[in-house]
């Protein structure tokens, strides 16, 4: 088909199912490793969105979502995990 770029989102809840864990879900990270490796093997550049406004449900129920400033720390943990993983 000639695709050069594939836009996708990384689901926060796939990496941190509840959102407030300290350790990521390795299977979730591996899913994206595999996806991006396959895209690159076919010379397709991944274009990544880190958040499409889909926070883990647990964070909304337990912390009232973005009303609670703890969300900043949870989001930072998610983003740093993804960036440090270099998916």
C-alpha atoms as a PDB file:
ATOM      1  CA  UNK A   1       0.000   0.000   0.000  1.00  0.00           C
ATOM      2  CA  UNK A   2       2.997   2.306   0.260  1.00  0.00           C
ATOM      3  CA  UNK A   3       2.492   3.541   3.807  1.00  0.00           C
ATOM      4  CA  UNK A   4       5.437   5.547   5.141  1.00  0.00           C
ATOM      5  CA  UNK A   5       4.004   6.550   8.537  1.00  0.00           C
ATOM      6  CA  UNK A   6       1.648   4.810  10.971  1.00  0.00           C
ATOM      7  CA  UNK A   7       0.019   6.940  13.667  1.00  0.00           C
ATOM      8  CA  UNK A   8      -0.906   5.154  16.865  1.00  0.00           C
ATOM      9  CA  UNK A   9      -1.466   5.833  20.544  1.00  0.00           C
ATOM     10  CA  UNK A  10       0.196   4.127  23.468  1.00  0.00           C
ATOM     11  CA  UNK A  11      -2.523   3.138  25.916  1.00  0.00           C
ATOM     12  CA  UNK A  12      -1.579   4.303  29.406  1.00  0.00           C
ATOM     13  CA  UNK A  13      -3.648   1.463  30.868  1.00  0.00           C
ATOM     14  CA  UNK A  14      -1.712  -1.130  28.857  1.00  0.00           C
ATOM     15  CA  UNK A  15       1.524   0.063  30.498  1.00  0.00           C
ATOM     16  CA  UNK A  16       0.068   0.814  33.957  1.00  0.00           C
ATOM     17  CA  UNK A  17      -3.342  -0.933  34.176  1.00  0.00           C
ATOM     18  CA  UNK A  18      -4.483   1.041  37.238  1.00  0.00           C
ATOM     19  CA  UNK A  19      -2.315   4.071  36.538  1.00  0.00           C
ATOM     20  CA  UNK A  20      -0.814   4.358  40.002  1.00  0.00           C
ATOM     21  CA  UNK A  21       1.489   1.315  39.980  1.00  0.00           C
ATOM     22  CA  UNK A  22       5.207   1.851  40.467  1.00  0.00           C
ATOM     23  CA  UNK A  23       6.231  -0.960  38.101  1.00  0.00           C
ATOM     24  CA  UNK A  24       4.991  -1.145  34.508  1.00  0.00           C
ATOM     25  CA  UNK A  25       3.264  -4.095  32.889  1.00  0.00           C
ATOM     26  CA  UNK A  26       6.103  -5.749  30.954  1.00  0.00           C
ATOM     27  CA  UNK A  27       3.689  -7.492  28.587  1.00  0.00           C
ATOM     28  CA  UNK A  28       2.221  -4.111  27.663  1.00  0.00           C
ATOM     29  CA  UNK A  29       5.647  -2.669  26.941  1.00  0.00           C
ATOM     30  CA  UNK A  30       6.567  -5.749  24.901  1.00  0.00           C
ATOM     31  CA  UNK A  31       3.403  -5.312  22.822  1.00  0.00           C
ATOM     32  CA  UNK A  32       4.605  -1.892  21.689  1.00  0.00           C
ATOM     33  CA  UNK A  33       8.198  -3.100  21.224  1.00  0.00           C
ATOM     34  CA  UNK A  34       6.884  -5.764  18.846  1.00  0.00           C
ATOM     35  CA  UNK A  35       4.540  -3.369  17.031  1.00  0.00           C
ATOM     36  CA  UNK A  36       7.213  -0.743  16.437  1.00  0.00           C
ATOM     37  CA  UNK A  37       9.845  -3.304  15.445  1.00  0.00           C
ATOM     38  CA  UNK A  38       7.467  -4.707  12.828  1.00  0.00           C
ATOM     39  CA  UNK A  39       6.674  -1.255  11.462  1.00  0.00           C
ATOM     40  CA  UNK A  40      10.362  -0.366  11.226  1.00  0.00           C
ATOM     41  CA  UNK A  41      11.126  -3.701   9.539  1.00  0.00           C
ATOM     42  CA  UNK A  42       8.810  -2.525   6.744  1.00  0.00           C
ATOM     43  CA  UNK A  43      10.277   1.004   6.635  1.00  0.00           C
ATOM     44  CA  UNK A  44       7.183   2.500   8.234  1.00  0.00           C
ATOM     45  CA  UNK A  45       7.821   5.251  10.750  1.00  0.00           C
ATOM     46  CA  UNK A  46       5.666   5.113  13.893  1.00  0.00           C
ATOM     47  CA  UNK A  47       4.079   8.442  14.852  1.00  0.00           C
ATOM     48  CA  UNK A  48       3.224   8.116  18.532  1.00  0.00           C
ATOM     49  CA  UNK A  49       0.580   9.831  20.645  1.00  0.00           C
ATOM     50  CA  UNK A  50       1.141   9.410  24.385  1.00  0.00           C
ATOM     51  CA  UNK A  51      -2.315  10.459  25.469  1.00  0.00           C
ATOM     52  CA  UNK A  52      -5.604  10.626  23.658  1.00  0.00           C
ATOM     53  CA  UNK A  53      -7.477  11.595  26.835  1.00  0.00           C
ATOM     54  CA  UNK A  54      -7.870   7.972  27.953  1.00  0.00           C
ATOM     55  CA  UNK A  55      -6.679   7.765  31.526  1.00  0.00           C
ATOM     56  CA  UNK A  56      -6.961   4.468  33.383  1.00  0.00           C
ATOM     57  CA  UNK A  57     -10.450   4.162  34.896  1.00  0.00           C
ATOM     58  CA  UNK A  58      -9.013   3.486  38.355  1.00  0.00           C
ATOM     59  CA  UNK A  59      -7.436   6.968  38.374  1.00  0.00           C
ATOM     60  CA  UNK A  60     -10.746   8.601  37.533  1.00  0.00           C
ATOM     61  CA  UNK A  61     -12.641   6.670  40.185  1.00  0.00           C
ATOM     62  CA  UNK A  62     -10.037   6.831  42.952  1.00  0.00           C
ATOM     63  CA  UNK A  63      -8.454  10.253  42.411  1.00  0.00           C
ATOM     64  CA  UNK A  64     -11.186  12.149  40.497  1.00  0.00           C
ATOM     65  CA  UNK A  65      -8.956  12.267  37.437  1.00  0.00           C
ATOM     66  CA  UNK A  66      -7.113  15.460  36.563  1.00  0.00           C
ATOM     67  CA  UNK A  67      -8.785  17.382  39.402  1.00  0.00           C
ATOM     68  CA  UNK A  68      -6.239  15.711  41.691  1.00  0.00           C
ATOM     69  CA  UNK A  69      -2.651  16.957  41.389  1.00  0.00           C
ATOM     70  CA  UNK A  70      -1.356  13.409  42.015  1.00  0.00           C
ATOM     71  CA  UNK A  71      -2.334  12.743  38.397  1.00  0.00           C
ATOM     72  CA  UNK A  72       0.681  14.777  37.307  1.00  0.00           C
ATOM     73  CA  UNK A  73       3.000  12.340  39.080  1.00  0.00           C
ATOM     74  CA  UNK A  74       1.184   9.312  37.670  1.00  0.00           C
ATOM     75  CA  UNK A  75       1.337  10.757  34.151  1.00  0.00           C
ATOM     76  CA  UNK A  76       5.002  11.650  34.553  1.00  0.00           C
ATOM     77  CA  UNK A  77       5.749   8.076  35.632  1.00  0.00           C
ATOM     78  CA  UNK A  78       3.971   6.745  32.538  1.00  0.00           C
ATOM     79  CA  UNK A  79       5.744   9.151  30.172  1.00  0.00           C
ATOM     80  CA  UNK A  80       9.192   8.576  31.694  1.00  0.00           C
ATOM     81  CA  UNK A  81       8.662   4.823  31.464  1.00  0.00           C
ATOM     82  CA  UNK A  82       7.811   5.051  27.769  1.00  0.00           C
ATOM     83  CA  UNK A  83      10.652   7.474  26.985  1.00  0.00           C
ATOM     84  CA  UNK A  84      13.227   5.464  28.921  1.00  0.00           C
ATOM     85  CA  UNK A  85      12.073   2.250  27.250  1.00  0.00           C
ATOM     86  CA  UNK A  86      12.640   3.796  23.819  1.00  0.00           C
ATOM     87  CA  UNK A  87       9.813   1.751  22.366  1.00  0.00           C
END
